[in-house]
Every structure is written in C-alpha cells, then in structure tokens.
Amino acid sequence: MYNFMCTAEENAIKLKAREFAKTIPRDLLIEMDKDEIQYPTEFVKQLAANKLIGLRFEKEFGGQEMTWVAEMAALEEIGILSLALGCLASLPSICGEALHTFGTEEQKQKFLAPILAGEKFCAEALTEPRGGSDFYGATTTAVKDGDHYILNGQKRFVVGAEGADIFLVYAKTDPKAEHRHKSISLFIVERDSGVEAKYIYGLMGCRGGGAGRLYFRDVKVPKENIILGEGEGGRIFNQMMYPERMTSACGIIGMAKGCIDIASRYAMKRIAFGKPIRKFEAVSFKLADALCLTDAARSLVYTAAKALDTNQDPALCRRLVSEAKRVSTENCYKAIDNCLQVLGGIGYTNVFPVERMFRDARLASIWTGTSEIMNLIIQHEHFQQYRKKAPDYRDIEGDAAECEAEDEKIYE
C-alpha cells in the first residue's frame, strides 16, 4: 500500500493496523496452523479494543465512519498475518454490512454494537452441503410459527462456526416463490438458541478460523430477528458481497507483500555460483513478476474501493468488485508461488512461512465467490451496460483499411 494513494486519515489507520499486526505473537499463527487453536477470541477482542473493525460504520455503534479505502488500507496490513486472521478481522464488516444497511435500530443496538465492541463474535452461514455457488438453491428452511420462525437445515464451511455467538443465516421462506431471488430471507440466529456446531474439516490452509458445519434442528428464531423482511435475502446478499469480496481481495495482498519481502531478502543473501542469486535474471524476474502482479491487484482493489466510496453506478460497482476479487486472489497466489520458487527447496518447508501462505492463498479464489462466478458477474454487468448505452468514445471499427467490406462481416 502506498501513502500517496490515501488521505492522511486513511494513512493513519493503515499505520495503526501495521503496528497492531506486529504485536501478534508468532505462537498464535503456528498453533492455528497446527489446528491447536480453533478460534482466537483474544485476537478479535484486541482488534476491537484498537478500533480496527467496523471502520465504515457509525460511531454510534462503535464504528469510525471511515471510507472503503481506509478499510482496505487497514486490512492489507492485518492480512499479512494469515488468511484466517484476515477473514476474522473482516467478518464484522461482512456481517455488519447487513445489520448496518438493512437492520432496524433495535437490531443494530442489540447485535451490531456488541460485535464492534468485541463483546460478541459473528459469522455468516451461507454455503450448504449440496453446493456453494448456487445461492438460491439453498435448502435450509424457515417456517413462520406465531412469533417465531422455525429453522431446519445445514450450513458448512462457516468461518467462525466454532466461536461465533451470532450467525447470519440465509434460509428459504418461500420455496415456491415465482422468482427465486424472492425465496430467501436472512435471519439473525444466536448460538444459544439451539444451533449445533461441528468442526469436521482437515483444511489444506486457512486453519484456526473455526470453520465448521452448523446444524439447525427446529431452531426457534424470534420474528424480530429477520432482517428487512421475508424474501429480501437476495437483496441483502448482493450488498454483503461488497465487503465479502473486497476483504478477500485486499487481505491476500498483505500476504503477497510479506512473501515478496522474505523472497527479496533471501535473494540478496543467498550465494550461488559465487554471487547473490538476485543477480540472476531467472530469480530477479520472478520477483519482478510478483511485484507487477501484486501492484496490479492493489490498483484494482483501490479503484473498486473508490467507486464504492463515491457511490458510482451499482452495476459498475458490482463489476469492479468482482474484477478486484478475481484478479487480486489469482495474482497474489501467483506472486506467492513465485516467491516460493525463489526460495527453492527450503521454501517448501516450514523454515519460512511462505509455504503456509501458499496453502492459505489457494482458498482465496474459491471462497466468497469463485473466479468463475466472478467472470459470470463481470461479463453480465458489461453486456447489460453495453446494451443500454454503447461507449461514446471513438468507434475504431471504421479505422480498418477495408472497413466498408460489409459482405465480409458475417454475423449469422
């Protein structure tokens, strides 16, 4: 992250997050990766105590009323720790988006405020065993019963399943709805209402975030805990995807940045054939590529953040956020892979943390919307906009030497 891209206030929060990241003990990272810690509650409490979560939300509820750019700047610094810790730092932003944008005053006071204060922990229950990308194909149901809804179903890959007090759960309230996007609703479900959590995953990376499966067996949820109303789950989901995808896109930049630092230092120290290996283009070009990939990712992420901050057209925001998520997660994975290659065999061991970052990074292009789903959104928003209004800049089709050869322009 470069200072000239941020205001003084945004730089200040970035530096605050950087100093915070330095205080996290290495033992926490090691124990999380060994699955000895399943949910680092103290880490989240410390984030809250340093006012590093909920940056975009009102001060009334514990936020800082800052920008998307500020949140990205802070998260890049925290993301250098691990994908799991970056995700846990992001959950108050993701879950908080639904509460802050669509929740009632009572819901904000009861749930958002304690989340931002670090008194309660939150998680999003979205993915189901039968599939992930097919959001509207969810089979978890919520049936109205007097003053409550009765929830039944399962969710899996829930980061925070092991430690969260509050779950935001998407469930079908109208399975026969004429339009699928009106079939789902979002509920605030408290753990002590009867939610069963079970950790069952041996994860390749991103360990220690408490990812597990949730079971809802006739769980009673007060009607006051539905957000916005029945059939509004799709609308809320689309809004929540902004922070979900933006935080995924930005946190991994911190990981890549850390790996580039390690690989650069190694390349300057490691001697082969009588000179530092950075003198060999086969090595130094790997780092040049890693820098290009990471800087390109960063540029797109902060462009998307600026679009959100300036309330650009929602279609453009959806496209840019999707582009940022896809490009950043893929680029940074390649950058980390390059750094591992620079380290050579020792990079494949746990003598350096690059192997852990490499394992972590592989998940980033899968969760919160796969790269393929991002492409689906990108092309959809592009063509939707193009059909409404073609670009008003120079039409270069007529610049070809034989542009008037209409017989050669066959479309059917």
Protein backbone atom coordinates (compact mmCIF):
# COMPACT_ATOMS: atom_id res chain seq x y z
CA MET A 1 0.00 0.00 0.00
CA TYR A 2 1.43 3.35 -0.99
CA ASN A 3 0.97 6.53 1.04
CA PHE A 4 0.12 8.69 -1.96
CA MET A 5 -3.00 6.63 -2.59
CA CYS A 6 -4.54 7.57 0.76
CA THR A 7 -5.59 10.62 2.68
CA ALA A 8 -3.85 11.48 5.94
CA GLU A 9 -6.66 9.82 7.90
CA GLU A 10 -6.51 6.67 5.76
CA ASN A 11 -2.72 6.51 6.14
CA ALA A 12 -3.06 6.87 9.90
CA ILE A 13 -5.39 3.87 10.18
CA LYS A 14 -3.10 1.90 7.87
CA LEU A 15 -0.11 2.57 10.13
CA LYS A 16 -2.17 1.76 13.20
CA ALA A 17 -3.08 -1.61 11.69
CA ARG A 18 0.55 -2.19 10.73
CA GLU A 19 1.70 -1.65 14.31
CA PHE A 20 -1.10 -3.89 15.57
CA ALA A 21 0.00 -6.72 13.27
CA LYS A 22 3.50 -6.52 14.76
CA THR A 23 2.11 -7.29 18.23
CA ILE A 24 0.56 -10.64 17.29
CA PRO A 25 2.68 -13.47 18.73
CA ARG A 26 4.11 -16.00 16.29
CA ASP A 27 2.86 -18.79 18.56
CA LEU A 28 -0.71 -17.88 17.67
CA LEU A 29 -0.03 -18.32 13.96
CA ILE A 30 1.81 -21.60 14.49
CA GLU A 31 -0.82 -23.04 16.83
CA MET A 32 -3.64 -22.06 14.48
CA ASP A 33 -1.89 -23.75 11.57
CA LYS A 34 -1.48 -26.89 13.70
CA ASP A 35 -5.23 -26.81 14.47
CA GLU A 36 -4.40 -26.41 18.16
CA ILE A 37 -6.43 -23.19 18.26
CA GLN A 38 -9.83 -23.21 16.62
CA TYR A 39 -10.99 -19.67 17.24
CA PRO A 40 -8.66 -16.91 18.51
CA THR A 41 -11.15 -14.85 20.51
CA GLU A 42 -8.43 -12.67 22.05
CA PHE A 43 -7.27 -11.59 18.59
CA VAL A 44 -10.75 -10.32 17.71
CA LYS A 45 -11.07 -8.62 21.10
CA GLN A 46 -7.75 -6.86 20.55
CA LEU A 47 -8.87 -5.69 17.11
CA ALA A 48 -12.00 -4.22 18.67
CA ALA A 49 -10.04 -2.61 21.53
CA ASN A 50 -7.83 -0.92 18.93
CA LYS A 51 -10.91 0.16 16.97
CA LEU A 52 -9.78 -1.68 13.86
CA ILE A 53 -13.09 -3.34 12.98
CA GLY A 54 -16.28 -1.83 11.62
CA LEU A 55 -14.34 1.12 10.27
CA ARG A 56 -17.07 2.17 7.84
CA PHE A 57 -19.94 2.16 10.31
CA GLU A 58 -21.34 4.92 12.50
CA LYS A 59 -19.57 5.86 15.71
CA GLU A 60 -22.88 5.43 17.50
CA PHE A 61 -22.47 1.66 17.12
CA GLY A 62 -18.70 1.54 17.59
CA GLY A 63 -17.54 2.27 14.05
CA GLN A 64 -15.22 5.01 12.83
CA GLU A 65 -17.26 6.44 9.91
CA MET A 66 -14.31 5.96 7.57
CA THR A 67 -14.04 5.05 3.88
CA TRP A 68 -13.80 1.81 1.96
CA VAL A 69 -10.25 2.84 1.07
CA ALA A 70 -9.42 3.15 4.77
CA GLU A 71 -10.79 -0.31 5.45
CA MET A 72 -8.75 -1.78 2.61
CA ALA A 73 -5.61 0.00 3.81
CA ALA A 74 -6.03 -1.41 7.31
CA LEU A 75 -6.89 -4.90 6.14
CA GLU A 76 -3.86 -5.11 3.86
CA GLU A 77 -1.70 -4.67 6.95
CA ILE A 78 -3.63 -7.21 9.01
CA GLY A 79 -3.76 -9.64 6.09
CA ILE A 80 -0.01 -10.12 6.30
CA LEU A 81 -0.65 -12.41 9.30
CA SER A 82 -2.70 -15.15 7.63
CA LEU A 83 -5.83 -15.69 5.57
CA ALA A 84 -7.74 -16.93 8.63
CA LEU A 85 -6.91 -13.89 10.76
CA GLY A 86 -7.65 -11.57 7.85
CA CYS A 87 -11.02 -13.26 7.48
CA LEU A 88 -11.84 -12.98 11.19
CA ALA A 89 -10.93 -9.29 11.03
CA SER A 90 -13.31 -8.95 8.07
CA LEU A 91 -16.37 -10.71 9.48
CA PRO A 92 -17.61 -7.68 11.45
CA SER A 93 -17.52 -5.75 8.17
CA ILE A 94 -19.30 -8.51 6.23
CA CYS A 95 -21.98 -9.35 8.80
CA GLY A 96 -22.11 -5.75 9.91
CA GLU A 97 -22.99 -4.68 6.36
CA ALA A 98 -26.33 -6.48 6.60
CA LEU A 99 -27.09 -5.10 10.05
CA HIS A 100 -25.85 -1.59 9.31
CA THR A 101 -27.51 -1.18 5.90
CA PHE A 102 -30.75 -3.09 6.41
CA GLY A 103 -31.17 -3.68 10.14
CA THR A 104 -33.58 -1.92 12.46
CA GLU A 105 -32.35 0.41 15.17
CA GLU A 106 -33.06 -2.31 17.72
CA GLN A 107 -31.08 -4.89 15.72
CA LYS A 108 -28.12 -2.53 15.44
CA GLN A 109 -28.09 -1.82 19.17
CA LYS A 110 -28.57 -5.45 20.15
CA PHE A 111 -26.19 -7.09 17.68
CA LEU A 112 -24.01 -4.66 15.71
CA ALA A 113 -22.79 -2.64 18.70
CA PRO A 114 -21.54 -5.65 20.73
CA ILE A 115 -19.89 -7.12 17.62
CA LEU A 116 -17.92 -3.92 17.02
CA ALA A 117 -17.07 -3.74 20.72
CA GLY A 118 -15.57 -7.24 20.61
CA GLU A 119 -18.12 -8.48 23.13
CA LYS A 120 -19.78 -10.87 20.67
CA PHE A 121 -18.42 -12.70 17.66
CA CYS A 122 -20.22 -13.14 14.37
CA ALA A 123 -20.24 -15.48 11.38
CA GLU A 124 -22.10 -15.81 8.10
CA ALA A 125 -23.92 -19.08 7.34
CA LEU A 126 -24.30 -19.22 3.58
CA THR A 127 -22.82 -22.34 1.94
CA GLU A 128 -24.67 -25.65 2.16
CA PRO A 129 -23.52 -29.27 1.71
CA ARG A 130 -25.33 -29.55 -1.63
CA GLY A 131 -23.48 -26.64 -3.17
CA GLY A 132 -21.91 -23.23 -2.81
CA SER A 133 -22.27 -21.09 -5.92
CA ASP A 134 -25.98 -21.86 -6.32
CA PHE A 135 -27.09 -19.40 -3.65
CA TYR A 136 -30.79 -19.60 -4.45
CA GLY A 137 -30.68 -23.38 -4.42
CA ALA A 138 -30.39 -23.32 -0.62
CA THR A 139 -32.43 -26.00 1.16
CA THR A 140 -32.34 -24.63 4.72
CA THR A 141 -35.89 -23.54 5.54
CA ALA A 142 -37.52 -21.06 7.89
CA VAL A 143 -41.22 -21.56 8.60
CA LYS A 144 -43.26 -18.89 10.39
CA ASP A 145 -44.85 -20.16 13.61
CA GLY A 146 -46.55 -17.42 15.59
CA ASP A 147 -43.95 -15.03 16.96
CA HIS A 148 -41.07 -17.20 15.75
CA TYR A 149 -39.55 -18.84 12.71
CA ILE A 150 -38.51 -22.48 12.87
CA LEU A 151 -35.23 -23.15 11.08
CA ASN A 152 -34.15 -26.54 9.74
CA GLY A 153 -31.16 -27.39 7.61
CA GLN A 154 -27.37 -27.34 7.47
CA LYS A 155 -24.63 -24.92 6.54
CA ARG A 156 -20.97 -25.75 6.05
CA PHE A 157 -17.59 -24.03 5.59
CA VAL A 158 -18.78 -21.42 8.11
CA VAL A 159 -15.71 -19.49 9.26
CA GLY A 160 -16.31 -18.85 12.93
CA ALA A 161 -18.64 -21.80 13.44
CA GLU A 162 -16.56 -22.80 16.45
CA GLY A 163 -16.51 -19.41 18.16
CA ALA A 164 -19.29 -17.12 16.94
CA ASP A 165 -22.14 -16.04 19.19
CA ILE A 166 -24.25 -14.67 16.33
CA PHE A 167 -24.89 -16.25 12.94
CA LEU A 168 -26.44 -14.55 9.94
CA VAL A 169 -28.31 -17.41 8.30
CA TYR A 170 -29.90 -17.46 4.85
CA ALA A 171 -32.97 -19.69 4.69
CA LYS A 172 -35.88 -20.37 2.33
CA THR A 173 -39.11 -18.77 3.50
CA ASP A 174 -40.96 -19.29 0.22
CA PRO A 175 -39.62 -22.32 -1.71
CA LYS A 176 -42.37 -21.87 -4.33
CA ALA A 177 -41.74 -18.19 -4.98
CA GLU A 178 -42.31 -17.18 -8.59
CA HIS A 179 -38.90 -15.51 -8.67
CA ARG A 180 -36.03 -17.38 -6.98
CA HIS A 181 -34.50 -14.18 -5.66
CA LYS A 182 -37.61 -13.64 -3.51
CA SER A 183 -37.49 -17.12 -1.97
CA ILE A 184 -34.77 -16.48 0.60
CA SER A 185 -34.63 -14.43 3.80
CA LEU A 186 -31.84 -13.56 6.24
CA PHE A 187 -32.06 -14.26 9.96
CA ILE A 188 -30.01 -13.32 12.99
CA VAL A 189 -29.58 -16.58 14.89
CA GLU A 190 -27.96 -16.68 18.31
CA ARG A 191 -25.86 -19.73 19.15
CA ASP A 192 -27.68 -20.45 22.39
CA SER A 193 -31.00 -20.80 20.53
CA GLY A 194 -30.09 -24.42 19.80
CA VAL A 195 -27.56 -24.19 16.96
CA GLU A 196 -25.22 -27.17 16.84
CA ALA A 197 -21.70 -26.54 15.57
CA LYS A 198 -19.36 -29.31 14.49
CA TYR A 199 -15.78 -28.98 13.30
CA ILE A 200 -15.13 -31.67 10.71
CA TYR A 201 -12.65 -30.27 8.22
CA GLY A 202 -8.99 -31.04 7.77
CA LEU A 203 -8.21 -27.89 5.82
CA MET A 204 -5.29 -27.51 3.43
CA GLY A 205 -4.78 -23.98 4.73
CA CYS A 206 -6.61 -21.12 6.44
CA ARG A 207 -6.63 -23.10 9.66
CA GLY A 208 -7.68 -21.79 13.03
CA GLY A 209 -10.66 -19.76 11.89
CA GLY A 210 -13.12 -22.21 13.37
CA ALA A 211 -14.53 -23.28 10.01
CA GLY A 212 -17.17 -25.94 10.51
CA ARG A 213 -20.68 -27.16 9.89
CA LEU A 214 -23.84 -25.83 11.52
CA TYR A 215 -26.99 -27.85 12.14
CA PHE A 216 -30.40 -26.27 12.60
CA ARG A 217 -32.95 -28.69 14.01
CA ASP A 218 -36.20 -26.91 14.82
CA VAL A 219 -34.28 -23.84 15.97
CA LYS A 220 -36.66 -21.12 17.14
CA VAL A 221 -35.78 -17.61 15.97
CA PRO A 222 -37.84 -14.59 17.11
CA LYS A 223 -39.63 -12.84 14.25
CA GLU A 224 -37.79 -9.66 15.28
CA ASN A 225 -34.58 -11.31 14.10
CA ILE A 226 -35.43 -11.35 10.41
CA ILE A 227 -33.52 -8.64 8.55
CA LEU A 228 -35.58 -6.37 6.30
CA GLY A 229 -38.39 -8.89 5.81
CA GLU A 230 -39.33 -12.11 4.04
CA GLY A 231 -37.97 -12.55 0.54
CA GLU A 232 -35.29 -9.86 0.95
CA GLY A 233 -32.37 -12.23 1.39
CA GLY A 234 -31.22 -11.84 -2.20
CA ARG A 235 -31.10 -8.07 -1.95
CA ILE A 236 -29.10 -8.24 1.29
CA PHE A 237 -26.79 -10.91 -0.13
CA ASN A 238 -25.86 -8.68 -3.09
CA GLN A 239 -24.92 -5.88 -0.69
CA MET A 240 -22.98 -8.16 1.63
CA MET A 241 -20.92 -9.39 -1.30
CA TYR A 242 -19.26 -5.99 -1.49
CA PRO A 243 -17.35 -6.34 1.80
CA GLU A 244 -17.08 -10.12 1.46
CA ARG A 245 -15.27 -9.92 -1.87
CA MET A 246 -13.39 -6.70 -1.19
CA THR A 247 -11.91 -8.03 2.04
CA SER A 248 -10.87 -11.27 0.31
CA ALA A 249 -9.24 -9.24 -2.45
CA CYS A 250 -7.35 -6.97 -0.07
CA GLY A 251 -6.26 -9.30 2.72
CA ILE A 252 -4.35 -11.53 0.33
CA ILE A 253 -2.33 -8.54 -0.89
CA GLY A 254 -0.85 -8.32 2.60
CA MET A 255 0.14 -11.98 2.39
CA ALA A 256 1.80 -11.50 -1.00
CA LYS A 257 3.59 -8.41 0.27
CA GLY A 258 5.05 -10.37 3.18
CA CYS A 259 6.20 -13.19 0.92
CA ILE A 260 7.86 -10.76 -1.50
CA ASP A 261 9.73 -9.28 1.45
CA ILE A 262 11.01 -12.70 2.51
CA ALA A 263 11.98 -13.74 -1.02
CA SER A 264 13.74 -10.43 -1.70
CA ARG A 265 15.78 -10.68 1.49
CA TYR A 266 16.66 -14.28 0.70
CA ALA A 267 17.68 -13.42 -2.87
CA MET A 268 20.08 -10.77 -1.60
CA LYS A 269 21.67 -13.09 0.98
CA ARG A 270 21.75 -16.43 -0.81
CA ILE A 271 25.01 -17.03 -2.70
CA ALA A 272 25.18 -19.40 -5.66
CA PHE A 273 27.85 -19.63 -8.36
CA GLY A 274 29.80 -17.02 -6.46
CA LYS A 275 27.21 -14.23 -6.27
CA PRO A 276 23.82 -13.34 -4.73
CA ILE A 277 21.06 -15.10 -6.61
CA ARG A 278 19.30 -11.77 -7.18
CA LYS A 279 21.99 -11.17 -9.79
CA PHE A 280 20.49 -13.98 -11.88
CA GLU A 281 17.56 -12.87 -14.02
CA ALA A 282 15.91 -16.26 -13.59
CA VAL A 283 15.47 -15.25 -9.94
CA SER A 284 15.08 -11.48 -10.08
CA PHE A 285 12.48 -11.70 -12.86
CA LYS A 286 10.36 -13.93 -10.61
CA LEU A 287 10.27 -11.09 -8.11
CA ALA A 288 9.64 -8.52 -10.82
CA ASP A 289 6.63 -10.54 -11.92
CA ALA A 290 5.45 -10.88 -8.31
CA LEU A 291 5.66 -7.11 -7.85
CA CYS A 292 3.72 -6.46 -11.06
CA LEU A 293 1.04 -8.98 -10.13
CA THR A 294 0.64 -7.53 -6.63
CA ASP A 295 0.66 -3.89 -7.69
CA ALA A 296 -1.91 -4.62 -10.41
CA ALA A 297 -4.11 -6.31 -7.81
CA ARG A 298 -3.73 -3.41 -5.39
CA SER A 299 -4.59 -0.86 -8.07
CA LEU A 300 -7.81 -2.65 -8.99
CA VAL A 301 -8.83 -3.18 -5.35
CA TYR A 302 -8.43 0.51 -4.52
CA THR A 303 -10.18 1.54 -7.74
CA ALA A 304 -13.16 -0.57 -6.65
CA ALA A 305 -12.98 0.91 -3.15
CA LYS A 306 -13.01 4.42 -4.57
CA ALA A 307 -16.02 3.53 -6.75
CA LEU A 308 -17.88 2.40 -3.63
CA ASP A 309 -16.83 5.48 -1.67
CA THR A 310 -18.11 7.80 -4.40
CA ASN A 311 -21.41 5.93 -4.88
CA GLN A 312 -20.86 5.03 -8.51
CA ASP A 313 -23.48 3.16 -10.52
CA PRO A 314 -24.27 -0.15 -8.75
CA ALA A 315 -23.68 -2.12 -11.95
CA LEU A 316 -20.21 -0.62 -12.26
CA CYS A 317 -19.50 -1.30 -8.59
CA ARG A 318 -20.56 -4.93 -8.92
CA ARG A 319 -18.29 -5.35 -11.93
CA LEU A 320 -15.29 -3.65 -10.34
CA VAL A 321 -15.66 -5.51 -7.05
CA SER A 322 -15.86 -8.80 -8.95
CA GLU A 323 -12.84 -7.87 -11.04
CA ALA A 324 -10.91 -6.91 -7.91
CA LYS A 325 -11.74 -10.17 -6.18
CA ARG A 326 -10.86 -12.35 -9.15
CA VAL A 327 -7.70 -10.54 -10.23
CA SER A 328 -6.31 -9.99 -6.74
CA THR A 329 -6.82 -13.55 -5.48
CA GLU A 330 -5.37 -15.07 -8.65
CA ASN A 331 -2.50 -12.59 -8.97
CA CYS A 332 -1.42 -12.82 -5.36
CA TYR A 333 -1.50 -16.61 -5.44
CA LYS A 334 0.86 -16.48 -8.45
CA ALA A 335 3.04 -13.90 -6.69
CA ILE A 336 3.34 -16.12 -3.59
CA ASP A 337 4.12 -19.10 -5.83
CA ASN A 338 6.92 -17.06 -7.43
CA CYS A 339 8.33 -16.27 -4.00
CA LEU A 340 8.30 -19.95 -3.08
CA GLN A 341 10.18 -20.69 -6.31
CA VAL A 342 12.83 -18.10 -5.42
CA LEU A 343 13.37 -19.81 -2.08
CA GLY A 344 13.67 -23.18 -3.77
CA GLY A 345 13.57 -26.34 -1.68
CA ILE A 346 13.80 -24.52 1.64
CA GLY A 347 10.65 -22.61 0.67
CA TYR A 348 8.77 -25.92 0.64
CA THR A 349 9.50 -26.40 4.34
CA ASN A 350 8.19 -24.60 7.41
CA VAL A 351 11.55 -22.91 7.94
CA PHE A 352 9.86 -19.99 6.16
CA PRO A 353 6.14 -19.09 6.37
CA VAL A 354 5.80 -18.88 2.59
CA GLU A 355 4.56 -22.48 2.37
CA ARG A 356 1.76 -21.63 4.82
CA MET A 357 0.86 -18.52 2.86
CA PHE A 358 0.86 -20.59 -0.33
CA ARG A 359 -1.62 -23.04 1.20
CA ASP A 360 -3.75 -20.21 2.55
CA ALA A 361 -3.79 -18.32 -0.74
CA ARG A 362 -5.21 -21.22 -2.72
CA LEU A 363 -8.55 -20.83 -0.95
CA ALA A 364 -8.98 -17.16 -1.80
CA SER A 365 -10.08 -17.74 -5.42
CA ILE A 366 -12.66 -20.31 -4.24
CA TRP A 367 -14.47 -18.79 -1.30
CA THR A 368 -16.78 -15.75 -1.32
CA GLY A 369 -17.48 -16.44 -5.00
CA THR A 370 -15.19 -18.48 -7.23
CA SER A 371 -13.20 -16.89 -10.04
CA GLU A 372 -15.68 -18.46 -12.44
CA ILE A 373 -18.61 -16.78 -10.69
CA MET A 374 -16.69 -13.50 -10.74
CA ASN A 375 -16.30 -13.86 -14.51
CA LEU A 376 -20.03 -14.54 -14.80
CA ILE A 377 -20.82 -11.28 -12.98
CA ILE A 378 -18.18 -9.27 -14.85
CA GLN A 379 -19.41 -10.22 -18.31
CA HIS A 380 -23.07 -9.90 -17.27
CA GLU A 381 -22.67 -6.36 -15.98
CA HIS A 382 -20.56 -5.43 -19.01
CA PHE A 383 -23.11 -6.59 -21.56
CA GLN A 384 -26.04 -5.21 -19.59
CA GLN A 385 -24.44 -1.79 -19.63
CA TYR A 386 -23.32 -2.10 -23.24
CA ARG A 387 -26.85 -2.92 -24.38
CA LYS A 388 -28.17 0.19 -22.65
CA LYS A 389 -25.54 2.57 -23.91
CA ALA A 390 -22.61 1.99 -26.23
CA PRO A 391 -19.38 3.87 -25.38
CA ASP A 392 -19.23 7.46 -26.59
CA TYR A 393 -15.51 7.42 -27.34
CA ARG A 394 -14.09 6.90 -30.82
CA ASP A 395 -15.53 3.91 -32.63
CA ILE A 396 -12.43 2.35 -34.16
CA GLU A 397 -14.27 -0.22 -36.27
CA GLY A 398 -14.15 2.26 -39.12
CA ASP A 399 -10.38 2.61 -38.87
CA ALA A 400 -9.69 -0.65 -40.71
CA ALA A 401 -8.46 -0.26 -44.32
CA GLU A 402 -11.35 -2.34 -45.66
CA CYS A 403 -13.96 -1.48 -43.09
CA GLU A 404 -16.58 -0.98 -45.81
CA ALA A 405 -16.42 -4.60 -46.94
CA GLU A 406 -19.83 -5.38 -45.48
CA ASP A 407 -20.05 -8.66 -47.36
CA GLU A 408 -17.20 -9.94 -45.20
CA LYS A 409 -18.87 -9.04 -41.90
CA ILE A 410 -20.94 -12.15 -41.42
CA TYR A 411 -22.94 -12.36 -38.17
CA GLU A 412 -25.48 -15.08 -38.91
